[in-house]
Amino acid sequence: MNSAMIGSRFQVVIPKEARERFGLKPNTRVNIEAREEGIMIFLVKCSNLRGLGKELANDEDASDYVKRLRSEWGLER
């Protein structure tokens, strides 16, 4: 287990070995969970959801698609 230090702005530097093992890059999103035994850091793995359902829009612009659906459902704004 590697150790790290909490800086004056409450930032923690993740040790290089851990960054490389999990492929962490700047701006990687993580979830923080406070547990009785300590603090847990979990990777947020949502990048594989990007574009999910795009085939439903048939290459239509996302904003136009949402507007069309709202119109069909009687939810126009």
N, C-alpha and C. Protein backbone atom coordinates (compact mmCIF):
# COMPACT_ATOMS: atom_id res chain seq x y z
N MET A 1 0.84 -1.18 0.00
CA MET A 1 0.00 0.00 0.00
C MET A 1 0.89 1.24 0.00
N ASN A 2 0.54 2.18 -0.86
CA ASN A 2 1.26 3.45 -0.91
C ASN A 2 0.57 4.46 -0.02
N SER A 3 1.34 5.42 0.46
CA SER A 3 0.73 6.47 1.27
C SER A 3 0.78 7.79 0.51
N ALA A 4 -0.06 8.71 0.91
CA ALA A 4 -0.10 10.04 0.30
C ALA A 4 -0.34 11.04 1.42
N MET A 5 -0.16 12.32 1.10
CA MET A 5 -0.36 13.36 2.09
C MET A 5 -1.46 14.30 1.62
N ILE A 6 -2.25 14.78 2.55
CA ILE A 6 -3.29 15.76 2.25
C ILE A 6 -2.64 17.13 2.30
N GLY A 7 -2.78 17.88 1.20
CA GLY A 7 -2.19 19.21 1.11
C GLY A 7 -3.06 20.26 1.81
N SER A 8 -2.59 21.50 1.79
CA SER A 8 -3.29 22.59 2.48
C SER A 8 -4.67 22.88 1.87
N ARG A 9 -4.89 22.49 0.60
CA ARG A 9 -6.19 22.69 -0.05
C ARG A 9 -7.00 21.38 -0.04
N PHE A 10 -6.61 20.46 0.83
CA PHE A 10 -7.27 19.16 1.00
C PHE A 10 -7.20 18.30 -0.27
N GLN A 11 -6.16 18.48 -1.06
CA GLN A 11 -5.95 17.66 -2.25
C GLN A 11 -5.00 16.53 -1.90
N VAL A 12 -5.23 15.38 -2.54
CA VAL A 12 -4.39 14.20 -2.33
C VAL A 12 -3.79 13.81 -3.68
N VAL A 13 -2.49 13.58 -3.71
CA VAL A 13 -1.84 13.12 -4.93
C VAL A 13 -1.84 11.60 -4.90
N ILE A 14 -2.43 11.00 -5.94
CA ILE A 14 -2.47 9.54 -6.04
C ILE A 14 -1.10 9.08 -6.51
N PRO A 15 -0.49 8.13 -5.81
CA PRO A 15 0.85 7.67 -6.17
C PRO A 15 0.93 7.16 -7.62
N LYS A 16 2.07 7.36 -8.24
CA LYS A 16 2.29 7.02 -9.65
C LYS A 16 1.92 5.57 -9.95
N GLU A 17 2.31 4.66 -9.09
CA GLU A 17 2.01 3.23 -9.30
C GLU A 17 0.51 2.99 -9.46
N ALA A 18 -0.29 3.63 -8.62
CA ALA A 18 -1.74 3.48 -8.69
C ALA A 18 -2.31 4.16 -9.93
N ARG A 19 -1.78 5.34 -10.28
CA ARG A 19 -2.25 6.05 -11.48
C ARG A 19 -2.01 5.21 -12.72
N GLU A 20 -0.83 4.62 -12.81
CA GLU A 20 -0.50 3.80 -13.97
C GLU A 20 -1.33 2.51 -14.00
N ARG A 21 -1.50 1.90 -12.85
CA ARG A 21 -2.26 0.64 -12.78
C ARG A 21 -3.70 0.82 -13.26
N PHE A 22 -4.33 1.94 -12.91
CA PHE A 22 -5.73 2.17 -13.26
C PHE A 22 -5.90 3.12 -14.44
N GLY A 23 -4.79 3.54 -15.05
CA GLY A 23 -4.86 4.41 -16.22
C GLY A 23 -5.46 5.77 -15.93
N LEU A 24 -5.17 6.32 -14.76
CA LEU A 24 -5.73 7.61 -14.37
C LEU A 24 -5.03 8.74 -15.10
N LYS A 25 -5.82 9.69 -15.54
CA LYS A 25 -5.33 10.88 -16.23
C LYS A 25 -5.94 12.09 -15.53
N PRO A 26 -5.39 13.30 -15.78
CA PRO A 26 -6.02 14.49 -15.21
C PRO A 26 -7.49 14.57 -15.62
N ASN A 27 -8.33 15.04 -14.74
CA ASN A 27 -9.78 15.20 -14.94
C ASN A 27 -10.55 13.88 -14.95
N THR A 28 -9.92 12.80 -14.50
CA THR A 28 -10.64 11.54 -14.35
C THR A 28 -11.64 11.70 -13.22
N ARG A 29 -12.90 11.32 -13.45
CA ARG A 29 -13.94 11.46 -12.43
C ARG A 29 -13.88 10.27 -11.48
N VAL A 30 -14.03 10.58 -10.20
CA VAL A 30 -14.05 9.54 -9.16
C VAL A 30 -15.20 9.80 -8.20
N ASN A 31 -15.65 8.77 -7.55
CA ASN A 31 -16.63 8.89 -6.47
C ASN A 31 -15.89 8.70 -5.16
N ILE A 32 -16.27 9.46 -4.16
CA ILE A 32 -15.67 9.38 -2.84
C ILE A 32 -16.73 8.85 -1.88
N GLU A 33 -16.37 7.83 -1.14
CA GLU A 33 -17.33 7.26 -0.18
C GLU A 33 -16.69 7.22 1.20
N ALA A 34 -17.36 7.85 2.15
CA ALA A 34 -16.88 7.83 3.54
C ALA A 34 -17.45 6.57 4.21
N ARG A 35 -16.56 5.77 4.71
CA ARG A 35 -16.95 4.54 5.42
C ARG A 35 -16.42 4.61 6.84
N GLU A 36 -16.91 3.73 7.64
CA GLU A 36 -16.47 3.71 9.04
C GLU A 36 -14.96 3.49 9.15
N GLU A 37 -14.43 2.64 8.27
CA GLU A 37 -13.01 2.31 8.34
C GLU A 37 -12.11 3.25 7.55
N GLY A 38 -12.70 4.17 6.78
CA GLY A 38 -11.87 5.10 6.03
C GLY A 38 -12.58 5.66 4.82
N ILE A 39 -11.83 6.27 3.94
CA ILE A 39 -12.35 6.90 2.73
C ILE A 39 -12.01 6.01 1.55
N MET A 40 -13.01 5.75 0.70
CA MET A 40 -12.80 4.92 -0.49
C MET A 40 -12.95 5.82 -1.72
N ILE A 41 -12.09 5.60 -2.70
CA ILE A 41 -12.15 6.33 -3.96
C ILE A 41 -12.44 5.31 -5.05
N PHE A 42 -13.50 5.55 -5.83
CA PHE A 42 -13.90 4.65 -6.90
C PHE A 42 -13.90 5.40 -8.22
N LEU A 43 -13.43 4.75 -9.27
CA LEU A 43 -13.49 5.34 -10.60
C LEU A 43 -14.93 5.41 -11.06
N VAL A 44 -15.29 6.49 -11.72
CA VAL A 44 -16.60 6.61 -12.35
C VAL A 44 -16.44 6.08 -13.76
N LYS A 45 -17.10 4.99 -14.06
CA LYS A 45 -16.95 4.37 -15.38
C LYS A 45 -18.23 4.58 -16.18
N CYS A 46 -18.35 5.75 -16.77
CA CYS A 46 -19.53 6.04 -17.57
C CYS A 46 -19.17 6.37 -19.01
N SER A 47 -17.88 6.40 -19.33
CA SER A 47 -17.49 6.76 -20.69
C SER A 47 -18.00 5.76 -21.71
N ASN A 48 -18.22 4.50 -21.30
CA ASN A 48 -18.71 3.50 -22.23
C ASN A 48 -20.20 3.71 -22.54
N LEU A 49 -20.86 4.64 -21.86
CA LEU A 49 -22.26 4.94 -22.13
C LEU A 49 -22.41 6.08 -23.13
N ARG A 50 -21.32 6.72 -23.47
CA ARG A 50 -21.37 7.87 -24.38
C ARG A 50 -21.95 7.42 -25.72
N GLY A 51 -22.98 8.14 -26.17
CA GLY A 51 -23.60 7.83 -27.44
C GLY A 51 -24.67 6.75 -27.36
N LEU A 52 -24.94 6.27 -26.16
CA LEU A 52 -25.94 5.23 -25.98
C LEU A 52 -27.29 5.72 -26.50
N GLY A 53 -27.91 4.96 -27.35
CA GLY A 53 -29.21 5.31 -27.89
C GLY A 53 -29.18 6.21 -29.11
N LYS A 54 -27.99 6.53 -29.61
CA LYS A 54 -27.93 7.46 -30.75
C LYS A 54 -28.61 6.89 -31.99
N GLU A 55 -28.72 5.57 -32.07
CA GLU A 55 -29.39 4.98 -33.23
C GLU A 55 -30.88 5.30 -33.24
N LEU A 56 -31.43 5.66 -32.09
CA LEU A 56 -32.85 6.02 -32.02
C LEU A 56 -33.13 7.33 -32.75
N ALA A 57 -32.16 8.23 -32.80
CA ALA A 57 -32.35 9.54 -33.41
C ALA A 57 -32.11 9.52 -34.92
N ASN A 58 -31.63 8.41 -35.46
CA ASN A 58 -31.38 8.29 -36.91
C ASN A 58 -30.56 9.45 -37.45
N ASP A 59 -29.45 9.75 -36.80
CA ASP A 59 -28.52 10.81 -37.20
C ASP A 59 -29.14 12.21 -37.14
N GLU A 60 -30.27 12.38 -36.47
CA GLU A 60 -30.89 13.68 -36.27
C GLU A 60 -30.13 14.40 -35.15
N ASP A 61 -30.02 15.72 -35.26
CA ASP A 61 -29.39 16.52 -34.20
C ASP A 61 -30.09 16.23 -32.87
N ALA A 62 -29.33 16.09 -31.81
CA ALA A 62 -29.89 15.71 -30.50
C ALA A 62 -30.95 16.71 -30.03
N SER A 63 -30.70 18.00 -30.20
CA SER A 63 -31.68 19.01 -29.77
C SER A 63 -32.97 18.90 -30.57
N ASP A 64 -32.83 18.71 -31.88
CA ASP A 64 -34.02 18.56 -32.73
C ASP A 64 -34.79 17.29 -32.37
N TYR A 65 -34.06 16.24 -32.06
CA TYR A 65 -34.69 14.97 -31.68
C TYR A 65 -35.52 15.14 -30.40
N VAL A 66 -34.96 15.80 -29.41
CA VAL A 66 -35.67 16.01 -28.15
C VAL A 66 -36.89 16.90 -28.38
N LYS A 67 -36.73 17.95 -29.17
CA LYS A 67 -37.87 18.84 -29.47
C LYS A 67 -38.99 18.06 -30.17
N ARG A 68 -38.62 17.21 -31.12
CA ARG A 68 -39.61 16.42 -31.84
C ARG A 68 -40.35 15.48 -30.90
N LEU A 69 -39.60 14.82 -30.01
CA LEU A 69 -40.24 13.92 -29.05
C LEU A 69 -41.19 14.67 -28.12
N ARG A 70 -40.75 15.82 -27.63
CA ARG A 70 -41.60 16.61 -26.75
C ARG A 70 -42.88 17.02 -27.45
N SER A 71 -42.75 17.36 -28.74
CA SER A 71 -43.91 17.74 -29.53
C SER A 71 -44.86 16.55 -29.67
N GLU A 72 -44.30 15.37 -29.97
CA GLU A 72 -45.11 14.17 -30.13
C GLU A 72 -45.83 13.80 -28.84
N TRP A 73 -45.18 14.06 -27.73
CA TRP A 73 -45.76 13.71 -26.42
C TRP A 73 -46.63 14.81 -25.85
N GLY A 74 -46.75 15.93 -26.57
CA GLY A 74 -47.54 17.06 -26.08
C GLY A 74 -46.87 17.81 -24.95
N LEU A 75 -45.55 17.83 -24.96
CA LEU A 75 -44.79 18.50 -23.89
C LEU A 75 -44.01 19.70 -24.43
N GLU A 76 -44.50 20.35 -25.47
CA GLU A 76 -43.78 21.48 -26.05
C GLU A 76 -43.60 22.60 -25.05
N ARG A 77 -42.47 23.27 -25.17
CA ARG A 77 -42.19 24.39 -24.26
C ARG A 77 -42.10 25.67 -25.04
